[in-house]
Amino acid sequence: MIKREFTAIITKGEVAYVSYSPELGIASQGKTVVEAKKNLAEAIELYLEEAGNSNVLKTKVPVITTIKVQKKRQSA
């Protein structure tokens, strides 16, 4: 078994936590962060089983960073 690591981005939605893997474009959800992460891992495992050795697995690691945006003051 080959172990691979993927990025998991987890955000709080209106009713659940949404988990997303930008390398593969796969999303899942859960009632908690832990459940959302677990469900995403399961979705990725199923995806990898179906993809086999196709070129789809040759993903690149995304660059995830933050940006600062300053709100302009409104004129009176």
C-alpha atoms as a PDB file:
ATOM      1  CA  MET A   1       0.000   0.000   0.000  1.00  0.00           C
ATOM      2  CA  ILE A   2       1.367   3.409  -1.003  1.00  0.00           C
ATOM      3  CA  LYS A   3       0.657   6.273   1.367  1.00  0.00           C
ATOM      4  CA  ARG A   4       0.045   9.712  -0.106  1.00  0.00           C
ATOM      5  CA  GLU A   5      -0.719  13.029   1.516  1.00  0.00           C
ATOM      6  CA  PHE A   6      -3.255  15.519   0.235  1.00  0.00           C
ATOM      7  CA  THR A   7      -4.300  18.960   1.390  1.00  0.00           C
ATOM      8  CA  ALA A   8      -7.607  19.230   3.253  1.00  0.00           C
ATOM      9  CA  ILE A   9      -9.304  22.614   3.429  1.00  0.00           C
ATOM     10  CA  ILE A  10     -12.145  22.575   5.956  1.00  0.00           C
ATOM     11  CA  THR A  11     -14.633  25.405   6.359  1.00  0.00           C
ATOM     12  CA  LYS A  12     -17.758  25.777   8.449  1.00  0.00           C
ATOM     13  CA  GLY A  13     -20.890  25.861   6.333  1.00  0.00           C
ATOM     14  CA  GLU A  14     -24.406  26.726   7.447  1.00  0.00           C
ATOM     15  CA  VAL A  15     -25.245  23.219   8.689  1.00  0.00           C
ATOM     16  CA  ALA A  16     -22.012  21.226   8.393  1.00  0.00           C
ATOM     17  CA  TYR A  17     -18.254  21.438   7.946  1.00  0.00           C
ATOM     18  CA  VAL A  18     -17.180  21.176   4.316  1.00  0.00           C
ATOM     19  CA  SER A  19     -13.867  19.519   3.475  1.00  0.00           C
ATOM     20  CA  TYR A  20     -12.123  19.912   0.127  1.00  0.00           C
ATOM     21  CA  SER A  21      -8.975  18.535  -1.486  1.00  0.00           C
ATOM     22  CA  PRO A  22      -7.709  21.074  -4.052  1.00  0.00           C
ATOM     23  CA  GLU A  23      -5.256  18.595  -5.594  1.00  0.00           C
ATOM     24  CA  LEU A  24      -8.032  16.228  -6.609  1.00  0.00           C
ATOM     25  CA  GLY A  25     -11.091  18.495  -6.673  1.00  0.00           C
ATOM     26  CA  ILE A  26     -12.943  16.248  -4.217  1.00  0.00           C
ATOM     27  CA  ALA A  27     -15.252  17.512  -1.480  1.00  0.00           C
ATOM     28  CA  SER A  28     -17.129  15.984   1.439  1.00  0.00           C
ATOM     29  CA  GLN A  29     -18.747  17.149   4.657  1.00  0.00           C
ATOM     30  CA  GLY A  30     -19.413  16.216   8.260  1.00  0.00           C
ATOM     31  CA  LYS A  31     -21.099  17.443  11.430  1.00  0.00           C
ATOM     32  CA  THR A  32     -17.674  18.109  13.008  1.00  0.00           C
ATOM     33  CA  VAL A  33     -14.205  18.947  11.706  1.00  0.00           C
ATOM     34  CA  VAL A  34     -13.051  15.431  12.596  1.00  0.00           C
ATOM     35  CA  GLU A  35     -15.985  13.852  10.740  1.00  0.00           C
ATOM     36  CA  ALA A  36     -15.485  16.110   7.701  1.00  0.00           C
ATOM     37  CA  LYS A  37     -11.798  15.140   7.557  1.00  0.00           C
ATOM     38  CA  LYS A  38     -12.616  11.430   7.945  1.00  0.00           C
ATOM     39  CA  ASN A  39     -15.293  11.599   5.238  1.00  0.00           C
ATOM     40  CA  LEU A  40     -12.913  13.376   2.866  1.00  0.00           C
ATOM     41  CA  ALA A  41     -10.270  10.695   3.465  1.00  0.00           C
ATOM     42  CA  GLU A  42     -12.840   8.012   2.598  1.00  0.00           C
ATOM     43  CA  ALA A  43     -13.881   9.890  -0.550  1.00  0.00           C
ATOM     44  CA  ILE A  44     -10.239  10.214  -1.619  1.00  0.00           C
ATOM     45  CA  GLU A  45      -9.606   6.508  -1.008  1.00  0.00           C
ATOM     46  CA  LEU A  46     -12.602   5.591  -3.194  1.00  0.00           C
ATOM     47  CA  TYR A  47     -11.460   8.019  -5.869  1.00  0.00           C
ATOM     48  CA  LEU A  48      -7.950   6.573  -5.896  1.00  0.00           C
ATOM     49  CA  GLU A  49      -9.326   3.025  -6.190  1.00  0.00           C
ATOM     50  CA  GLU A  50     -11.292   4.042  -9.280  1.00  0.00           C
ATOM     51  CA  ALA A  51      -8.495   6.141 -10.801  1.00  0.00           C
ATOM     52  CA  GLY A  52      -5.891   3.377 -10.553  1.00  0.00           C
ATOM     53  CA  ASN A  53      -2.631   4.402 -12.234  1.00  0.00           C
ATOM     54  CA  SER A  54      -4.118   7.044 -14.513  1.00  0.00           C
ATOM     55  CA  ASN A  55      -2.503  10.430 -15.060  1.00  0.00           C
ATOM     56  CA  VAL A  56      -5.099  11.938 -12.750  1.00  0.00           C
ATOM     57  CA  LEU A  57      -2.901  10.925  -9.829  1.00  0.00           C
ATOM     58  CA  LYS A  58       0.005  13.042 -11.030  1.00  0.00           C
ATOM     59  CA  THR A  59      -1.190  16.075  -9.122  1.00  0.00           C
ATOM     60  CA  LYS A  60       0.841  19.056  -8.043  1.00  0.00           C
ATOM     61  CA  VAL A  61       0.776  20.445  -4.550  1.00  0.00           C
ATOM     62  CA  PRO A  62      -1.131  23.729  -4.513  1.00  0.00           C
ATOM     63  CA  VAL A  63       0.321  26.866  -3.016  1.00  0.00           C
ATOM     64  CA  ILE A  64      -1.953  27.958  -0.194  1.00  0.00           C
ATOM     65  CA  THR A  65      -1.309  31.364   1.271  1.00  0.00           C
ATOM     66  CA  THR A  66      -3.131  34.333   2.749  1.00  0.00           C
ATOM     67  CA  ILE A  67      -3.632  37.810   1.373  1.00  0.00           C
ATOM     68  CA  LYS A  68      -4.493  41.057   3.104  1.00  0.00           C
ATOM     69  CA  VAL A  69      -7.155  43.314   1.658  1.00  0.00           C
ATOM     70  CA  GLN A  70      -7.753  46.795   2.970  1.00  0.00           C
ATOM     71  CA  LYS A  71     -11.221  48.257   2.669  1.00  0.00           C
ATOM     72  CA  LYS A  72     -11.172  51.735   1.203  1.00  0.00           C
ATOM     73  CA  ARG A  73     -12.792  54.471   3.240  1.00  0.00           C
ATOM     74  CA  GLN A  74     -15.953  55.882   1.790  1.00  0.00           C
ATOM     75  CA  SER A  75     -15.963  59.584   0.988  1.00  0.00           C
ATOM     76  CA  ALA A  76     -18.464  61.736   2.827  1.00  0.00           C
END
